[in-house]
Amino acid sequence: MRKLILLGDSTCASKKKEARPETGWGEAFFQFLSPSWILCNNAFNGYSTVSCLKSGVFSKSLLDSKEGDSVIIQFGHNDQKPDERGTKPFEQYVANLKYMATEFKKRGVSVYFITSIPRRIFENGRLVDTHKDYIAGMKYAGYLSDTPVIDITLPLMLDLTLLGEEESKKYYMNFPQSVYPNYPEGKEDNTHLRPEGALWVSRTIYDSLKQFNPDFLC
């Protein structure tokens, strides 16, 4: 069977039971996968392009891939961080993405870049674009490496804007106390997803990918 490999950060990664209801979109994407394909979610909490390369996750994913497989690459959240994970959007970030795509393609693997999930941050009633140049950086990397770039950031931002500041909480780990056993004090996390949010994102990715007609979609 052929494999669809996911490389990304905590917004995509599989979660431990003590973190529930937090859910990565990669956990919800299986329902959009052709039954003749295997989903390999190699996304990890806290990862940037730098982390993925230095940790060996990229190398292992590359060695485990074969001709006819596909990979979805989604980074940006942690490439923005002012620590060892950080990159500049039009420098190392672009170079890392281009390198990943080029190496997979050498093995006959189809590559797709997916832009970041927007953070649910409103100021004065308006949704804030927190990813800025990292979206353009990924598109530039796609141009340089001849890799399809699926921009989910914009349509998801539109969805959040239409839902509004309060209603859009349902997709994120933002809820009051006594709603979930793992979080008796509640939580105010506007980056990570609940199951409803994971399905929302994975469905948006599915709908956006259809224009490229990849073999792995059901």
Protein backbone atom coordinates (compact mmCIF):
# COMPACT_ATOMS: atom_id res chain seq x y z
CA MET A 1 0.00 0.00 0.00
CA ARG A 2 1.11 3.54 -0.66
CA LYS A 3 1.62 6.04 2.16
CA LEU A 4 0.57 9.61 2.79
CA ILE A 5 3.15 11.12 5.16
CA LEU A 6 2.32 14.19 7.23
CA LEU A 7 5.14 16.44 8.46
CA GLY A 8 4.15 19.32 10.68
CA ASP A 9 3.66 20.74 14.15
CA SER A 10 1.22 20.36 17.04
CA THR A 11 -1.75 21.54 15.00
CA CYS A 12 -1.39 18.35 12.94
CA ALA A 13 0.12 15.91 15.45
CA SER A 14 -1.59 13.00 17.21
CA LYS A 15 -2.34 13.69 20.88
CA LYS A 16 -2.00 11.69 24.09
CA LYS A 17 -5.13 10.89 26.07
CA GLU A 18 -4.20 13.30 28.86
CA ALA A 19 -4.33 16.16 26.33
CA ARG A 20 -7.83 15.39 25.07
CA PRO A 21 -9.99 16.91 23.69
CA GLU A 22 -7.00 18.51 21.89
CA THR A 23 -6.87 16.93 18.43
CA GLY A 24 -4.50 17.39 15.51
CA TRP A 25 -6.05 17.75 12.07
CA GLY A 26 -3.90 14.80 10.96
CA GLU A 27 -5.97 12.60 13.26
CA ALA A 28 -9.14 13.61 11.43
CA PHE A 29 -7.79 13.37 7.89
CA PHE A 30 -7.98 9.56 7.66
CA GLN A 31 -11.65 9.78 6.68
CA PHE A 32 -10.69 11.63 3.49
CA LEU A 33 -8.02 9.08 2.56
CA SER A 34 -8.49 6.42 -0.08
CA PRO A 35 -8.79 2.96 1.55
CA SER A 36 -5.82 1.77 -0.50
CA TRP A 37 -3.53 4.27 1.28
CA ILE A 38 -1.91 4.36 4.74
CA LEU A 39 -1.71 7.58 6.76
CA CYS A 40 1.61 8.16 8.56
CA ASN A 41 1.31 11.16 10.87
CA ASN A 42 4.91 12.23 11.56
CA ALA A 43 3.99 15.67 12.91
CA PHE A 44 5.14 16.55 16.44
CA ASN A 45 4.32 19.14 19.06
CA GLY A 46 6.62 22.14 18.96
CA TYR A 47 8.27 21.31 15.65
CA SER A 48 9.48 23.80 13.08
CA THR A 49 11.29 23.07 9.83
CA VAL A 50 14.51 23.23 11.87
CA SER A 51 13.25 20.71 14.46
CA CYS A 52 12.04 18.33 11.77
CA LEU A 53 15.42 18.31 10.06
CA LYS A 54 17.62 18.20 13.18
CA SER A 55 15.59 15.56 15.04
CA GLY A 56 15.89 12.96 12.30
CA VAL A 57 12.13 12.87 11.68
CA PHE A 58 12.64 14.18 8.16
CA SER A 59 15.43 11.69 7.39
CA LYS A 60 13.41 8.74 8.70
CA SER A 61 10.31 9.83 6.79
CA LEU A 62 12.39 10.18 3.65
CA LEU A 63 14.01 6.75 4.02
CA ASP A 64 10.65 5.13 4.75
CA SER A 65 9.09 6.63 1.62
CA LYS A 66 9.04 5.07 -1.81
CA GLU A 67 8.07 6.01 -5.33
CA GLY A 68 4.34 6.64 -5.59
CA ASP A 69 3.93 7.86 -2.00
CA SER A 70 2.86 11.40 -1.10
CA VAL A 71 3.81 13.86 1.63
CA ILE A 72 2.03 16.92 3.05
CA ILE A 73 4.34 19.46 4.71
CA GLN A 74 2.92 22.13 7.02
CA PHE A 75 5.14 24.33 9.18
CA GLY A 76 5.15 27.98 10.20
CA HIS A 77 3.80 28.27 13.76
CA ASN A 78 7.12 27.47 15.41
CA ASP A 79 9.36 28.84 12.68
CA GLN A 80 8.14 32.17 14.04
CA LYS A 81 9.47 31.48 17.53
CA PRO A 82 12.44 33.54 18.83
CA ASP A 83 14.43 30.47 19.89
CA GLU A 84 16.48 27.72 18.25
CA ARG A 85 13.44 26.60 16.26
CA GLY A 86 13.03 29.95 14.55
CA THR A 87 13.74 30.84 10.93
CA LYS A 88 13.46 33.97 8.82
CA PRO A 89 10.51 33.65 6.43
CA PHE A 90 12.33 34.36 3.17
CA GLU A 91 15.66 32.82 4.14
CA GLN A 92 16.07 29.60 6.15
CA TYR A 93 12.33 28.83 6.14
CA VAL A 94 12.23 28.87 2.34
CA ALA A 95 15.51 26.96 2.09
CA ASN A 96 14.34 24.24 4.49
CA LEU A 97 11.02 23.75 2.71
CA LYS A 98 12.69 23.68 -0.69
CA TYR A 99 15.23 21.10 0.55
CA MET A 100 12.51 18.83 1.95
CA ALA A 101 10.48 18.96 -1.24
CA THR A 102 13.50 18.35 -3.47
CA GLU A 103 14.68 15.32 -1.48
CA PHE A 104 11.24 13.68 -1.49
CA LYS A 105 10.85 14.27 -5.20
CA LYS A 106 14.16 12.53 -5.85
CA ARG A 107 12.50 9.40 -4.45
CA GLY A 108 9.44 9.78 -6.65
CA VAL A 109 7.24 11.10 -3.84
CA SER A 110 4.56 13.71 -4.58
CA VAL A 111 4.87 16.76 -2.32
CA TYR A 112 2.24 19.27 -1.17
CA PHE A 113 2.81 22.34 0.99
CA ILE A 114 -0.06 23.39 3.27
CA THR A 115 -0.04 26.84 4.87
CA SER A 116 -0.59 27.29 8.60
CA ILE A 117 -3.85 27.17 10.53
CA PRO A 118 -4.73 30.70 11.69
CA ARG A 119 -4.61 31.52 15.36
CA ARG A 120 -7.96 32.60 16.74
CA ILE A 121 -6.91 36.07 17.88
CA PHE A 122 -9.34 38.96 17.60
CA GLU A 123 -8.51 42.61 18.28
CA ASN A 124 -11.34 45.12 18.41
CA GLY A 125 -13.61 42.52 16.85
CA ARG A 126 -11.31 41.79 13.90
CA LEU A 127 -9.31 38.63 13.30
CA VAL A 128 -5.55 39.21 13.33
CA ASP A 129 -3.18 37.73 10.75
CA THR A 130 -0.38 36.38 12.95
CA HIS A 131 1.58 34.41 10.34
CA LYS A 132 2.30 37.29 7.99
CA ASP A 133 5.39 36.59 5.81
CA TYR A 134 5.49 32.87 6.61
CA ILE A 135 2.52 32.30 4.32
CA ALA A 136 4.23 34.17 1.49
CA GLY A 137 7.49 32.37 2.33
CA MET A 138 5.87 28.97 1.83
CA LYS A 139 4.39 30.11 -1.48
CA TYR A 140 7.83 31.29 -2.56
CA ALA A 141 9.33 27.92 -1.58
CA GLY A 142 6.61 26.25 -3.62
CA TYR A 143 7.48 28.41 -6.61
CA LEU A 144 11.20 27.65 -6.32
CA SER A 145 10.68 23.90 -5.92
CA ASP A 146 7.72 23.54 -8.30
CA THR A 147 5.58 22.26 -5.42
CA PRO A 148 1.81 22.81 -5.10
CA VAL A 149 0.93 25.15 -2.23
CA ILE A 150 -2.51 24.84 -0.67
CA ASP A 151 -3.42 28.06 1.11
CA ILE A 152 -5.83 27.09 3.87
CA THR A 153 -4.97 30.12 6.00
CA LEU A 154 -7.16 32.53 4.06
CA PRO A 155 -10.33 30.38 3.84
CA LEU A 156 -10.04 29.41 7.51
CA MET A 157 -9.63 33.07 8.47
CA LEU A 158 -12.76 33.85 6.49
CA ASP A 159 -14.65 31.10 8.34
CA LEU A 160 -13.53 32.47 11.69
CA THR A 161 -14.49 35.99 10.72
CA LEU A 162 -17.97 34.88 9.66
CA LEU A 163 -18.44 32.85 12.85
CA GLY A 164 -17.31 35.74 15.00
CA GLU A 165 -15.20 36.03 18.11
CA GLU A 166 -17.40 34.00 20.45
CA GLU A 167 -18.81 31.29 18.18
CA SER A 168 -15.37 30.47 16.71
CA LYS A 169 -14.16 29.24 20.11
CA LYS A 170 -15.84 25.90 19.39
CA TYR A 171 -12.99 24.93 17.07
CA TYR A 172 -10.16 25.73 19.48
CA MET A 173 -9.02 24.70 22.96
CA ASN A 174 -10.80 27.71 24.40
CA PHE A 175 -13.49 26.81 26.92
CA PRO A 176 -14.58 27.54 30.51
CA GLN A 177 -14.02 25.40 33.57
CA SER A 178 -15.75 22.06 34.19
CA VAL A 179 -16.29 21.27 30.50
CA TYR A 180 -13.61 18.58 30.10
CA PRO A 181 -12.16 16.29 32.82
CA ASN A 182 -8.58 16.96 31.71
CA TYR A 183 -9.06 20.72 32.12
CA PRO A 184 -11.16 21.35 35.26
CA GLU A 185 -10.03 25.00 35.31
CA GLY A 186 -10.82 25.49 31.64
CA LYS A 187 -8.38 26.66 28.96
CA GLU A 188 -7.80 29.65 26.73
CA ASP A 189 -5.73 28.29 23.83
CA ASN A 190 -6.36 29.90 20.46
CA THR A 191 -3.87 27.80 18.48
CA HIS A 192 -4.72 24.16 19.10
CA LEU A 193 -7.86 22.39 18.01
CA ARG A 194 -10.73 20.45 19.49
CA PRO A 195 -12.22 17.54 17.48
CA GLU A 196 -14.63 19.92 15.76
CA GLY A 197 -11.71 22.10 14.73
CA ALA A 198 -9.63 19.18 13.51
CA LEU A 199 -12.50 18.08 11.26
CA TRP A 200 -13.02 21.68 10.07
CA VAL A 201 -9.36 21.99 9.08
CA SER A 202 -9.03 18.53 7.53
CA ARG A 203 -12.17 19.06 5.46
CA THR A 204 -10.82 22.40 4.23
CA ILE A 205 -7.57 20.68 3.25
CA TYR A 206 -9.50 17.94 1.48
CA ASP A 207 -11.63 20.43 -0.47
CA SER A 208 -8.56 22.49 -1.40
CA LEU A 209 -6.50 19.47 -2.47
CA LYS A 210 -9.17 18.22 -4.88
CA GLN A 211 -8.06 20.72 -7.51
CA PHE A 212 -4.80 18.74 -7.82
CA ASN A 213 -6.60 15.38 -7.97
CA PRO A 214 -4.07 13.47 -5.82
CA ASP A 215 -4.38 9.68 -5.76
CA PHE A 216 -4.64 9.50 -1.97
CA LEU A 217 -8.01 11.25 -1.71
CA CYS A 218 -11.13 9.13 -1.44
